[in-house]
Amino acid sequence: MPNSKTRDWEEHLNQVSENDPQAFICHFYNTYFAHSTGGRMIGKKVAEKLLDNKE
């Protein structure tokens, strides 16, 4: 169940998507790629340290 801060953030994103679609797309793009790239980097570091660079 989402808490009040989550609902506030959802409302904010809804408003941005309606009032400034370019800003919303920029936010989505940055968040999506930050998470996917960050996950790759973390996986690479774990592989280096624990798996002798094996994937």
PDB file of N, CA and C in Angstrom:
ATOM      1  N   MET A   1       0.845  -1.179   0.000  1.00  0.00           N
ATOM      2  CA  MET A   1       0.000   0.000   0.000  1.00  0.00           C
ATOM      3  C   MET A   1       0.893   1.245   0.000  1.00  0.00           C
ATOM      4  N   PRO A   2       0.729   2.146  -0.937  1.00  0.00           N
ATOM      5  CA  PRO A   2       1.584   3.323  -1.000  1.00  0.00           C
ATOM      6  C   PRO A   2       1.345   4.273   0.167  1.00  0.00           C
ATOM      7  N   ASN A   3       2.421   4.879   0.637  1.00  0.00           N
ATOM      8  CA  ASN A   3       2.272   5.856   1.718  1.00  0.00           C
ATOM      9  C   ASN A   3       1.997   7.245   1.128  1.00  0.00           C
ATOM     10  N   SER A   4       1.851   8.235   1.996  1.00  0.00           N
ATOM     11  CA  SER A   4       1.462   9.574   1.524  1.00  0.00           C
ATOM     12  C   SER A   4       2.546  10.208   0.653  1.00  0.00           C
ATOM     13  N   LYS A   5       3.799   9.954   0.944  1.00  0.00           N
ATOM     14  CA  LYS A   5       4.881  10.525   0.120  1.00  0.00           C
ATOM     15  C   LYS A   5       4.860   9.925  -1.281  1.00  0.00           C
ATOM     16  N   THR A   6       4.565   8.637  -1.378  1.00  0.00           N
ATOM     17  CA  THR A   6       4.466   7.987  -2.685  1.00  0.00           C
ATOM     18  C   THR A   6       3.305   8.573  -3.472  1.00  0.00           C
ATOM     19  N   ARG A   7       2.179   8.772  -2.815  1.00  0.00           N
ATOM     20  CA  ARG A   7       1.025   9.369  -3.491  1.00  0.00           C
ATOM     21  C   ARG A   7       1.318  10.812  -3.915  1.00  0.00           C
ATOM     22  N   ASP A   8       2.042  11.552  -3.077  1.00  0.00           N
ATOM     23  CA  ASP A   8       2.432  12.923  -3.441  1.00  0.00           C
ATOM     24  C   ASP A   8       3.326  12.913  -4.680  1.00  0.00           C
ATOM     25  N   TRP A   9       4.269  11.987  -4.727  1.00  0.00           N
ATOM     26  CA  TRP A   9       5.172  11.897  -5.875  1.00  0.00           C
ATOM     27  C   TRP A   9       4.392  11.504  -7.132  1.00  0.00           C
ATOM     28  N   GLU A  10       3.464  10.576  -6.978  1.00  0.00           N
ATOM     29  CA  GLU A  10       2.620  10.186  -8.111  1.00  0.00           C
ATOM     30  C   GLU A  10       1.839  11.390  -8.637  1.00  0.00           C
ATOM     31  N   GLU A  11       1.268  12.159  -7.739  1.00  0.00           N
ATOM     32  CA  GLU A  11       0.511  13.351  -8.138  1.00  0.00           C
ATOM     33  C   GLU A  11       1.416  14.349  -8.855  1.00  0.00           C
ATOM     34  N   HIS A  12       2.608  14.545  -8.318  1.00  0.00           N
ATOM     35  CA  HIS A  12       3.565  15.458  -8.951  1.00  0.00           C
ATOM     36  C   HIS A  12       3.902  14.990 -10.364  1.00  0.00           C
ATOM     37  N   LEU A  13       4.215  13.710 -10.533  1.00  0.00           N
ATOM     38  CA  LEU A  13       4.547  13.192 -11.864  1.00  0.00           C
ATOM     39  C   LEU A  13       3.364  13.301 -12.819  1.00  0.00           C
ATOM     40  N   ASN A  14       2.171  13.061 -12.320  1.00  0.00           N
ATOM     41  CA  ASN A  14       0.985  13.230 -13.163  1.00  0.00           C
ATOM     42  C   ASN A  14       0.852  14.671 -13.633  1.00  0.00           C
ATOM     43  N   GLN A  15       1.067  15.612 -12.732  1.00  0.00           N
ATOM     44  CA  GLN A  15       0.974  17.030 -13.102  1.00  0.00           C
ATOM     45  C   GLN A  15       2.052  17.404 -14.116  1.00  0.00           C
ATOM     46  N   VAL A  16       3.270  16.921 -13.889  1.00  0.00           N
ATOM     47  CA  VAL A  16       4.356  17.225 -14.828  1.00  0.00           C
ATOM     48  C   VAL A  16       4.057  16.630 -16.193  1.00  0.00           C
ATOM     49  N   SER A  17       3.555  15.394 -16.204  1.00  0.00           N
ATOM     50  CA  SER A  17       3.271  14.748 -17.500  1.00  0.00           C
ATOM     51  C   SER A  17       2.189  15.497 -18.275  1.00  0.00           C
ATOM     52  N   GLU A  18       1.248  16.090 -17.565  1.00  0.00           N
ATOM     53  CA  GLU A  18       0.186  16.850 -18.234  1.00  0.00           C
ATOM     54  C   GLU A  18       0.641  18.254 -18.643  1.00  0.00           C
ATOM     55  N   ASN A  19       1.412  18.905 -17.768  1.00  0.00           N
ATOM     56  CA  ASN A  19       1.774  20.308 -17.985  1.00  0.00           C
ATOM     57  C   ASN A  19       3.085  20.502 -18.739  1.00  0.00           C
ATOM     58  N   ASP A  20       3.980  19.524 -18.650  1.00  0.00           N
ATOM     59  CA  ASP A  20       5.294  19.655 -19.294  1.00  0.00           C
ATOM     60  C   ASP A  20       5.774  18.274 -19.742  1.00  0.00           C
ATOM     61  N   PRO A  21       5.184  17.750 -20.816  1.00  0.00           N
ATOM     62  CA  PRO A  21       5.532  16.392 -21.256  1.00  0.00           C
ATOM     63  C   PRO A  21       7.023  16.196 -21.512  1.00  0.00           C
ATOM     64  N   GLN A  22       7.700  17.223 -22.009  1.00  0.00           N
ATOM     65  CA  GLN A  22       9.138  17.083 -22.258  1.00  0.00           C
ATOM     66  C   GLN A  22       9.906  16.848 -20.961  1.00  0.00           C
ATOM     67  N   ALA A  23       9.532  17.547 -19.906  1.00  0.00           N
ATOM     68  CA  ALA A  23      10.190  17.351 -18.609  1.00  0.00           C
ATOM     69  C   ALA A  23       9.920  15.948 -18.082  1.00  0.00           C
ATOM     70  N   PHE A  24       8.689  15.466 -18.265  1.00  0.00           N
ATOM     71  CA  PHE A  24       8.357  14.120 -17.814  1.00  0.00           C
ATOM     72  C   PHE A  24       9.173  13.070 -18.569  1.00  0.00           C
ATOM     73  N   ILE A  25       9.281  13.228 -19.880  1.00  0.00           N
ATOM     74  CA  ILE A  25      10.064  12.272 -20.685  1.00  0.00           C
ATOM     75  C   ILE A  25      11.531  12.322 -20.267  1.00  0.00           C
ATOM     76  N   CYS A  26      12.048  13.511 -20.017  1.00  0.00           N
ATOM     77  CA  CYS A  26      13.431  13.652 -19.558  1.00  0.00           C
ATOM     78  C   CYS A  26      13.623  12.932 -18.229  1.00  0.00           C
ATOM     79  N   HIS A  27      12.694  13.120 -17.297  1.00  0.00           N
ATOM     80  CA  HIS A  27      12.767  12.450 -15.992  1.00  0.00           C
ATOM     81  C   HIS A  27      12.745  10.938 -16.171  1.00  0.00           C
ATOM     82  N   PHE A  28      11.808  10.447 -16.975  1.00  0.00           N
ATOM     83  CA  PHE A  28      11.690   9.003 -17.202  1.00  0.00           C
ATOM     84  C   PHE A  28      12.968   8.449 -17.822  1.00  0.00           C
ATOM     85  N   TYR A  29      13.456   9.120 -18.854  1.00  0.00           N
ATOM     86  CA  TYR A  29      14.664   8.697 -19.556  1.00  0.00           C
ATOM     87  C   TYR A  29      15.841   8.630 -18.589  1.00  0.00           C
ATOM     88  N   ASN A  30      16.044   9.700 -17.808  1.00  0.00           N
ATOM     89  CA  ASN A  30      17.167   9.734 -16.868  1.00  0.00           C
ATOM     90  C   ASN A  30      17.042   8.652 -15.806  1.00  0.00           C
ATOM     91  N   THR A  31      15.856   8.468 -15.264  1.00  0.00           N
ATOM     92  CA  THR A  31      15.647   7.461 -14.231  1.00  0.00           C
ATOM     93  C   THR A  31      15.860   6.065 -14.787  1.00  0.00           C
ATOM     94  N   TYR A  32      15.267   5.779 -15.940  1.00  0.00           N
ATOM     95  CA  TYR A  32      15.382   4.451 -16.545  1.00  0.00           C
ATOM     96  C   TYR A  32      16.838   4.107 -16.823  1.00  0.00           C
ATOM     97  N   PHE A  33      17.553   5.010 -17.461  1.00  0.00           N
ATOM     98  CA  PHE A  33      18.933   4.697 -17.821  1.00  0.00           C
ATOM     99  C   PHE A  33      19.863   4.741 -16.619  1.00  0.00           C
ATOM    100  N   ALA A  34      19.574   5.567 -15.648  1.00  0.00           N
ATOM    101  CA  ALA A  34      20.396   5.574 -14.429  1.00  0.00           C
ATOM    102  C   ALA A  34      20.274   4.235 -13.718  1.00  0.00           C
ATOM    103  N   HIS A  35      19.071   3.706 -13.645  1.00  0.00           N
ATOM    104  CA  HIS A  35      18.874   2.432 -12.971  1.00  0.00           C
ATOM    105  C   HIS A  35      19.488   1.289 -13.759  1.00  0.00           C
ATOM    106  N   SER A  36      19.280   1.273 -15.066  1.00  0.00           N
ATOM    107  CA  SER A  36      19.816   0.161 -15.851  1.00  0.00           C
ATOM    108  C   SER A  36      21.344   0.229 -15.912  1.00  0.00           C
ATOM    109  N   THR A  37      21.898   1.401 -16.094  1.00  0.00           N
ATOM    110  CA  THR A  37      23.352   1.533 -16.151  1.00  0.00           C
ATOM    111  C   THR A  37      23.971   1.287 -14.781  1.00  0.00           C
ATOM    112  N   GLY A  38      23.332   1.818 -13.744  1.00  0.00           N
ATOM    113  CA  GLY A  38      23.828   1.583 -12.383  1.00  0.00           C
ATOM    114  C   GLY A  38      23.823   0.114 -12.036  1.00  0.00           C
ATOM    115  N   GLY A  39      22.778  -0.590 -12.446  1.00  0.00           N
ATOM    116  CA  GLY A  39      22.710  -2.033 -12.193  1.00  0.00           C
ATOM    117  C   GLY A  39      23.815  -2.784 -12.907  1.00  0.00           C
ATOM    118  N   ARG A  40      24.111  -2.386 -14.120  1.00  0.00           N
ATOM    119  CA  ARG A  40      25.212  -3.015 -14.857  1.00  0.00           C
ATOM    120  C   ARG A  40      26.546  -2.766 -14.167  1.00  0.00           C
ATOM    121  N   MET A  41      26.749  -1.532 -13.726  1.00  0.00           N
ATOM    122  CA  MET A  41      28.004  -1.193 -13.071  1.00  0.00           C
ATOM    123  C   MET A  41      28.166  -1.992 -11.777  1.00  0.00           C
ATOM    124  N   ILE A  42      27.097  -2.081 -11.002  1.00  0.00           N
ATOM    125  CA  ILE A  42      27.150  -2.848  -9.758  1.00  0.00           C
ATOM    126  C   ILE A  42      27.440  -4.312 -10.072  1.00  0.00           C
ATOM    127  N   GLY A  43      26.756  -4.858 -11.084  1.00  0.00           N
ATOM    128  CA  GLY A  43      27.002  -6.254 -11.470  1.00  0.00           C
ATOM    129  C   GLY A  43      28.437  -6.476 -11.906  1.00  0.00           C
ATOM    130  N   LYS A  44      28.983  -5.544 -12.629  1.00  0.00           N
ATOM    131  CA  LYS A  44      30.369  -5.664 -13.087  1.00  0.00           C
ATOM    132  C   LYS A  44      31.327  -5.646 -11.899  1.00  0.00           C
ATOM    133  N   LYS A  45      31.083  -4.744 -10.955  1.00  0.00           N
ATOM    134  CA  LYS A  45      31.952  -4.672  -9.769  1.00  0.00           C
ATOM    135  C   LYS A  45      31.863  -5.947  -8.943  1.00  0.00           C
ATOM    136  N   VAL A  46      30.669  -6.497  -8.804  1.00  0.00           N
ATOM    137  CA  VAL A  46      30.503  -7.750  -8.060  1.00  0.00           C
ATOM    138  C   VAL A  46      31.249  -8.876  -8.773  1.00  0.00           C
ATOM    139  N   ALA A  47      31.102  -8.926 -10.096  1.00  0.00           N
ATOM    140  CA  ALA A  47      31.798  -9.958 -10.868  1.00  0.00           C
ATOM    141  C   ALA A  47      33.310  -9.818 -10.713  1.00  0.00           C
ATOM    142  N   GLU A  48      33.811  -8.595 -10.743  1.00  0.00           N
ATOM    143  CA  GLU A  48      35.245  -8.373 -10.580  1.00  0.00           C
ATOM    144  C   GLU A  48      35.731  -8.872  -9.220  1.00  0.00           C
ATOM    145  N   LYS A  49      34.978  -8.548  -8.179  1.00  0.00           N
ATOM    146  CA  LYS A  49      35.418  -8.861  -6.825  1.00  0.00           C
ATOM    147  C   LYS A  49      35.176 -10.325  -6.431  1.00  0.00           C
ATOM    148  N   LEU A  50      34.042 -10.870  -6.822  1.00  0.00           N
ATOM    149  CA  LEU A  50      33.655 -12.184  -6.320  1.00  0.00           C
ATOM    150  C   LEU A  50      33.776 -13.313  -7.332  1.00  0.00           C
ATOM    151  N   LEU A  51      33.737 -12.986  -8.608  1.00  0.00           N
ATOM    152  CA  LEU A  51      33.672 -14.046  -9.613  1.00  0.00           C
ATOM    153  C   LEU A  51      34.872 -14.050 -10.551  1.00  0.00           C
ATOM    154  N   ASP A  52      35.949 -13.415 -10.140  1.00  0.00           N
ATOM    155  CA  ASP A  52      37.146 -13.345 -10.982  1.00  0.00           C
ATOM    156  C   ASP A  52      36.823 -12.850 -12.395  1.00  0.00           C
ATOM    157  N   ASN A  53      36.026 -11.808 -12.476  1.00  0.00           N
ATOM    158  CA  ASN A  53      35.643 -11.160 -13.740  1.00  0.00           C
ATOM    159  C   ASN A  53      34.756 -12.013 -14.655  1.00  0.00           C
ATOM    160  N   LYS A  54      34.192 -13.110 -14.147  1.00  0.00           N
ATOM    161  CA  LYS A  54      33.259 -13.905 -14.937  1.00  0.00           C
ATOM    162  C   LYS A  54      31.872 -13.297 -14.822  1.00  0.00           C
ATOM    163  N   GLU A  55      31.112 -13.365 -15.907  1.00  0.00           N
ATOM    164  CA  GLU A  55      29.752 -12.824 -15.863  1.00  0.00           C
ATOM    165  C   GLU A  55      28.743 -13.920 -15.635  1.00  0.00           C
TER     166      GLU A  55
END
